[in-house]
Amino acid sequence: MWFHDYYPKSRPLAVAGGIKAQTKTGAFGKTWWAKRWIAVLEGFDIGSRLARGRSYARKGQVTAIKIDPGKVTAKVQGSDPKPYAVSIQIDRLSEKDWDKLAGELNTQAAFAAKLLAGEMPQDIESAFAKAGLSLFPKSLKEIKTDCSCPDYSNPCKHIAAVYYLLGEEFDRDPFLLFRLRGTDREKLCGRLSAGATTTVADEAAPPSAADPLPTDAAAFWGAEPLPADVCGEVRLPPVNAAGPKRLGGFPFWRGTDRFLDALTPTYSAAARRGLAAFDADKQSEPDA
């Protein structure tokens, strides 16, 4: 056991509206890249601070997180009335490094297609390796952390709590990993060659030409009879809350329940009420 693990334990002050981990039990991270982030950190052998950090993340002791290129700043409530200030800095890749990586990514169109779809390619680490780079930090030397708490260990449990919440946020937005390395989604995709992105663009259906507006004022402002099937088939959606589910979880959600778990029943109830109102309106229409 590390010597700094003997630092006296303290009880953190309760927080109202803190950022709680969505993972209640078990391992953090669902996607391979989030799990890889957690595995890298847990592989640094930094003692029981990570375990206590998981507890802080699940209790909602983190009150704020901000992610900038190469740096994360956060506030974590501990035993002191004033939240502790946490900073995590990761070595940023240079512009030359990103250009070199883009050259490797352009060798396979699948890389560009997945990145443009908001998905991290499974073998993207091989492209980093061929460019002589790494997406994830290889050692603690590449990560500079600081916390205003009195615990002299680094990382402390407050920093560890932020580590775990970052892992969950990477599930929602994998491009935050690139931001930590010094770039963002728009800049990265802008580096991809036009040839690699054309295939993705060509798959989209061409927009249909809009009908010209009537030139006669009476026809323009007049209310013509609507066709009987103007609404098409009206039924409950096959997938409840499809829009929010496609967008993913709300960033650093502060609610007690999961964001989608809290929102889905509202969508379901609104859909049923909307269908009932539509059916009632149809039944009240006079026979043609």
Protein backbone atom coordinates (compact mmCIF):
# COMPACT_ATOMS: atom_id res chain seq x y z
CA MET A 1 0.00 0.00 0.00
CA TRP A 2 1.22 3.48 -0.83
CA PHE A 3 2.30 5.61 2.11
CA HIS A 4 -0.03 8.44 1.09
CA ASP A 5 -2.99 6.07 1.41
CA TYR A 6 -2.60 6.43 5.18
CA TYR A 7 -3.69 10.06 4.96
CA PRO A 8 -6.54 10.40 7.51
CA LYS A 9 -9.95 9.93 5.94
CA SER A 10 -12.41 12.78 6.18
CA ARG A 11 -16.13 13.01 5.57
CA PRO A 12 -17.08 15.34 2.69
CA LEU A 13 -19.85 17.88 3.13
CA ALA A 14 -23.11 16.97 1.39
CA VAL A 15 -23.76 18.69 -1.94
CA ALA A 16 -27.10 19.74 -3.40
CA GLY A 17 -27.19 19.65 -7.20
CA GLY A 18 -23.73 18.18 -7.72
CA ILE A 19 -22.68 16.24 -10.82
CA LYS A 20 -23.46 12.63 -10.02
CA ALA A 21 -22.06 9.69 -11.93
CA GLN A 22 -24.68 7.85 -13.96
CA THR A 23 -22.95 4.59 -13.08
CA LYS A 24 -24.36 3.55 -9.71
CA THR A 25 -22.34 0.35 -9.30
CA GLY A 26 -19.68 -1.57 -11.16
CA ALA A 27 -17.20 -0.29 -13.72
CA PHE A 28 -17.32 3.16 -15.29
CA GLY A 29 -17.59 3.66 -19.02
CA LYS A 30 -19.67 1.85 -21.65
CA THR A 31 -17.85 2.53 -24.93
CA TRP A 32 -14.42 1.11 -25.67
CA TRP A 33 -12.78 4.54 -25.60
CA ALA A 34 -14.25 5.45 -22.19
CA LYS A 35 -13.21 2.07 -20.80
CA ARG A 36 -9.75 2.59 -22.28
CA TRP A 37 -9.48 5.97 -20.51
CA ILE A 38 -10.44 4.42 -17.17
CA ALA A 39 -8.13 1.44 -17.72
CA VAL A 40 -5.19 3.74 -18.47
CA LEU A 41 -5.76 5.66 -15.24
CA GLU A 42 -6.33 2.58 -13.11
CA GLY A 43 -3.22 1.02 -14.61
CA PHE A 44 -1.02 3.75 -13.14
CA ASP A 45 -1.16 2.02 -9.75
CA ILE A 46 -1.93 5.09 -7.64
CA GLY A 47 -3.47 3.31 -4.67
CA SER A 48 -6.88 3.57 -3.05
CA ARG A 49 -7.39 7.19 -4.11
CA LEU A 50 -9.20 5.99 -7.26
CA ALA A 51 -11.64 3.93 -5.18
CA ARG A 52 -12.44 6.93 -3.01
CA GLY A 53 -12.70 9.01 -6.15
CA ARG A 54 -15.40 6.67 -7.47
CA SER A 55 -17.34 7.22 -4.26
CA TYR A 56 -17.06 11.00 -4.61
CA ALA A 57 -18.20 10.81 -8.25
CA ARG A 58 -21.26 8.75 -7.35
CA LYS A 59 -22.21 10.99 -4.42
CA GLY A 60 -22.17 14.11 -6.59
CA GLN A 61 -19.30 15.85 -4.80
CA VAL A 62 -18.07 17.42 -8.05
CA THR A 63 -19.87 20.76 -8.47
CA ALA A 64 -18.41 21.99 -11.78
CA ILE A 65 -16.31 20.73 -14.70
CA LYS A 66 -14.94 22.66 -17.67
CA ILE A 67 -13.07 21.02 -20.55
CA ASP A 68 -10.69 23.15 -22.64
CA PRO A 69 -8.01 22.08 -25.12
CA GLY A 70 -5.42 20.25 -23.07
CA LYS A 71 -6.91 21.18 -19.72
CA VAL A 72 -9.79 20.29 -17.39
CA THR A 73 -10.76 22.49 -14.46
CA ALA A 74 -13.24 21.44 -11.80
CA LYS A 75 -14.62 22.20 -8.35
CA VAL A 76 -14.99 19.35 -5.85
CA GLN A 77 -16.68 19.62 -2.48
CA GLY A 78 -14.67 17.99 0.27
CA SER A 79 -14.70 18.39 4.04
CA ASP A 80 -13.79 22.09 3.85
CA PRO A 81 -16.69 24.56 3.34
CA LYS A 82 -15.01 25.94 0.20
CA PRO A 83 -14.90 23.50 -2.73
CA TYR A 84 -11.42 22.43 -3.79
CA ALA A 85 -10.07 23.61 -7.15
CA VAL A 86 -8.90 20.78 -9.41
CA SER A 87 -6.93 21.05 -12.63
CA ILE A 88 -5.89 18.27 -14.99
CA GLN A 89 -3.54 19.03 -17.88
CA ILE A 90 -2.64 16.59 -20.63
CA ASP A 91 0.15 17.14 -23.13
CA ARG A 92 -1.30 18.66 -26.29
CA LEU A 93 -0.34 17.45 -29.73
CA SER A 94 1.17 20.06 -32.04
CA GLU A 95 -0.39 21.24 -35.30
CA LYS A 96 2.26 19.24 -37.13
CA ASP A 97 1.27 16.14 -35.17
CA TRP A 98 -2.39 16.58 -36.11
CA ASP A 99 -1.49 16.99 -39.78
CA LYS A 100 0.57 13.80 -39.58
CA LEU A 101 -2.36 11.98 -37.94
CA ALA A 102 -4.78 13.24 -40.59
CA GLY A 103 -2.53 11.71 -43.23
CA GLU A 104 -2.85 8.33 -41.54
CA LEU A 105 -6.62 8.69 -41.07
CA ASN A 106 -7.03 9.49 -44.77
CA THR A 107 -5.54 6.17 -45.76
CA GLN A 108 -8.84 4.49 -44.80
CA ALA A 109 -12.18 6.07 -45.68
CA ALA A 110 -13.83 4.18 -42.82
CA PHE A 111 -11.98 6.36 -40.33
CA ALA A 112 -13.48 9.55 -41.75
CA ALA A 113 -16.95 8.02 -42.05
CA LYS A 114 -17.05 6.97 -38.40
CA LEU A 115 -15.56 10.22 -37.12
CA LEU A 116 -18.07 12.28 -39.06
CA ALA A 117 -20.84 10.12 -37.57
CA GLY A 118 -19.61 10.94 -34.07
CA GLU A 119 -18.13 7.51 -33.44
CA MET A 120 -14.61 6.63 -32.42
CA PRO A 121 -13.14 4.03 -34.82
CA GLN A 122 -12.16 0.87 -32.98
CA ASP A 123 -8.66 0.79 -34.45
CA ILE A 124 -7.95 4.52 -34.39
CA GLU A 125 -5.12 3.91 -31.94
CA SER A 126 -3.27 2.10 -34.74
CA ALA A 127 -3.42 5.29 -36.82
CA PHE A 128 -2.00 7.25 -33.88
CA ALA A 129 0.76 4.65 -33.47
CA LYS A 130 1.72 4.79 -37.16
CA ALA A 131 2.03 8.56 -36.82
CA GLY A 132 4.25 8.07 -33.79
CA LEU A 133 1.56 9.46 -31.48
CA SER A 134 -0.85 8.26 -28.80
CA LEU A 135 -4.48 9.18 -28.18
CA PHE A 136 -4.30 8.21 -24.51
CA PRO A 137 -1.56 9.21 -22.08
CA LYS A 138 1.07 6.50 -21.70
CA SER A 139 2.33 7.56 -18.29
CA LEU A 140 1.57 9.91 -15.43
CA LYS A 141 4.32 12.19 -16.76
CA GLU A 142 1.93 13.19 -19.56
CA ILE A 143 -0.71 14.26 -17.03
CA LYS A 144 -0.20 17.21 -14.71
CA THR A 145 -2.75 17.43 -11.92
CA ASP A 146 -3.28 19.81 -9.04
CA CYS A 147 -5.81 20.17 -6.23
CA SER A 148 -6.12 22.85 -3.56
CA CYS A 149 -6.93 20.24 -0.88
CA PRO A 150 -4.41 19.57 1.94
CA ASP A 151 -3.84 15.95 0.82
CA TYR A 152 -0.24 15.79 -0.46
CA SER A 153 -0.91 12.74 -2.64
CA ASN A 154 -1.35 13.39 -6.33
CA PRO A 155 -3.77 12.44 -7.69
CA CYS A 156 -5.97 12.77 -4.64
CA LYS A 157 -9.53 11.49 -4.36
CA HIS A 158 -10.91 14.80 -5.67
CA ILE A 159 -8.86 14.54 -8.85
CA ALA A 160 -9.83 10.87 -9.16
CA ALA A 161 -13.53 11.78 -8.97
CA VAL A 162 -13.09 14.11 -11.94
CA TYR A 163 -11.23 11.37 -13.83
CA TYR A 164 -14.23 9.06 -13.55
CA LEU A 165 -16.78 11.68 -14.52
CA LEU A 166 -14.66 12.47 -17.57
CA GLY A 167 -14.82 8.80 -18.52
CA GLU A 168 -18.62 8.92 -18.47
CA GLU A 169 -18.60 12.13 -20.51
CA PHE A 170 -16.38 10.49 -23.12
CA ASP A 171 -19.18 7.93 -23.55
CA ARG A 172 -21.46 10.75 -24.67
CA ASP A 173 -18.94 12.73 -26.71
CA PRO A 174 -15.77 10.91 -27.83
CA PHE A 175 -14.42 14.08 -29.40
CA LEU A 176 -13.69 15.43 -25.93
CA LEU A 177 -10.68 13.11 -26.01
CA PHE A 178 -9.39 15.00 -29.04
CA ARG A 179 -10.06 18.31 -27.30
CA LEU A 180 -7.92 17.22 -24.39
CA ARG A 181 -5.17 16.45 -26.89
CA GLY A 182 -5.45 19.97 -28.33
CA THR A 183 -8.03 19.99 -31.12
CA ASP A 184 -11.80 19.68 -31.59
CA ARG A 185 -14.16 17.85 -33.90
CA GLU A 186 -14.44 20.62 -36.51
CA LYS A 187 -10.70 21.09 -36.82
CA LEU A 188 -10.02 17.37 -36.97
CA CYS A 189 -12.67 16.70 -39.62
CA GLY A 190 -11.44 19.74 -41.54
CA ARG A 191 -8.06 18.06 -41.82
CA LEU A 192 -9.55 15.00 -43.45
CA SER A 193 -9.21 15.03 -47.21
CA ALA A 194 -12.20 15.79 -49.43
CA GLY A 195 -11.86 12.35 -50.95
CA ALA A 196 -12.37 10.69 -47.57
CA THR A 197 -15.50 12.68 -46.79
CA THR A 198 -17.14 12.65 -50.22
CA THR A 199 -18.37 9.09 -49.78
CA VAL A 200 -20.22 10.04 -46.62
CA ALA A 201 -21.75 13.13 -48.21
CA ASP A 202 -22.84 11.22 -51.30
CA GLU A 203 -24.88 8.82 -49.19
CA ALA A 204 -27.26 11.61 -48.17
CA ALA A 205 -30.32 12.00 -50.37
CA PRO A 206 -30.23 15.16 -52.52
CA PRO A 207 -32.68 17.83 -51.33
CA SER A 208 -35.88 18.00 -53.31
CA ALA A 209 -36.67 21.18 -55.18
CA ALA A 210 -39.16 23.37 -53.34
CA ASP A 211 -42.47 24.13 -55.03
CA PRO A 212 -42.58 27.70 -56.33
CA LEU A 213 -44.70 30.13 -54.33
CA PRO A 214 -47.90 31.32 -56.02
CA THR A 215 -47.64 34.76 -57.57
CA ASP A 216 -51.33 35.57 -57.06
CA ALA A 217 -51.90 37.32 -53.71
CA ALA A 218 -55.33 35.76 -53.17
CA ALA A 219 -53.95 32.28 -53.78
CA PHE A 220 -50.97 32.97 -51.54
CA TRP A 221 -53.04 34.14 -48.56
CA GLY A 222 -56.08 31.98 -49.20
CA ALA A 223 -56.75 28.83 -47.21
CA GLU A 224 -57.25 26.02 -49.66
CA PRO A 225 -58.89 22.79 -48.46
CA LEU A 226 -56.33 20.39 -47.01
CA PRO A 227 -56.15 16.87 -48.37
CA ALA A 228 -57.66 14.16 -46.20
CA ASP A 229 -54.29 12.49 -45.67
CA VAL A 230 -52.36 15.67 -44.88
CA CYS A 231 -51.13 14.17 -41.58
CA GLY A 232 -50.35 10.77 -43.04
CA GLU A 233 -50.45 7.80 -40.69
CA VAL A 234 -50.81 8.99 -37.12
CA ARG A 235 -49.68 6.46 -34.51
CA LEU A 236 -47.47 6.14 -31.47
CA PRO A 237 -43.77 6.30 -32.41
CA PRO A 238 -42.09 2.88 -32.64
CA VAL A 239 -39.17 4.19 -30.53
CA ASN A 240 -40.01 6.30 -27.52
CA ALA A 241 -37.96 9.51 -27.14
CA ALA A 242 -35.95 8.70 -30.26
CA GLY A 243 -34.62 12.27 -30.57
CA PRO A 244 -33.06 12.54 -27.11
CA LYS A 245 -31.76 8.98 -27.32
CA ARG A 246 -29.98 9.85 -30.55
CA LEU A 247 -28.40 12.93 -28.97
CA GLY A 248 -27.21 10.95 -25.95
CA GLY A 249 -27.05 11.91 -22.31
CA PHE A 250 -27.06 15.51 -21.15
CA PRO A 251 -23.48 16.66 -20.44
CA PHE A 252 -22.58 16.33 -16.77
CA TRP A 253 -26.21 15.72 -15.76
CA ARG A 254 -26.98 16.82 -12.18
CA GLY A 255 -30.31 15.06 -11.65
CA THR A 256 -30.91 12.19 -9.26
CA ASP A 257 -32.12 9.92 -12.06
CA ARG A 258 -30.44 9.37 -15.41
CA PHE A 259 -31.31 12.10 -17.93
CA LEU A 260 -32.97 9.76 -20.44
CA ASP A 261 -34.71 7.79 -17.69
CA ALA A 262 -36.23 11.04 -16.41
CA LEU A 263 -37.20 12.31 -19.87
CA THR A 264 -38.55 9.15 -21.53
CA PRO A 265 -41.80 8.90 -19.49
CA THR A 266 -42.62 12.50 -20.45
CA TYR A 267 -42.23 11.72 -24.14
CA SER A 268 -44.37 8.61 -23.77
CA ALA A 269 -47.17 10.48 -21.99
CA ALA A 270 -47.07 13.35 -24.51
CA ALA A 271 -47.30 10.91 -27.43
CA ARG A 272 -50.34 9.17 -25.95
CA ARG A 273 -52.11 12.44 -25.21
CA GLY A 274 -51.31 13.77 -28.66
CA LEU A 275 -52.75 10.65 -30.31
CA ALA A 276 -55.87 10.82 -28.13
CA ALA A 277 -56.39 14.50 -29.03
CA PHE A 278 -55.95 13.72 -32.73
CA ASP A 279 -58.45 10.84 -32.60
CA ALA A 280 -60.97 12.98 -30.71
CA ASP A 281 -60.63 15.76 -33.27
CA LYS A 282 -61.12 13.33 -36.16
CA GLN A 283 -64.26 11.91 -34.56
CA SER A 284 -65.73 15.39 -34.14
CA GLU A 285 -65.32 16.26 -37.82
CA PRO A 286 -68.59 16.30 -39.82
CA ASP A 287 -69.06 13.59 -42.39
CA ALA A 288 -68.02 14.57 -45.87
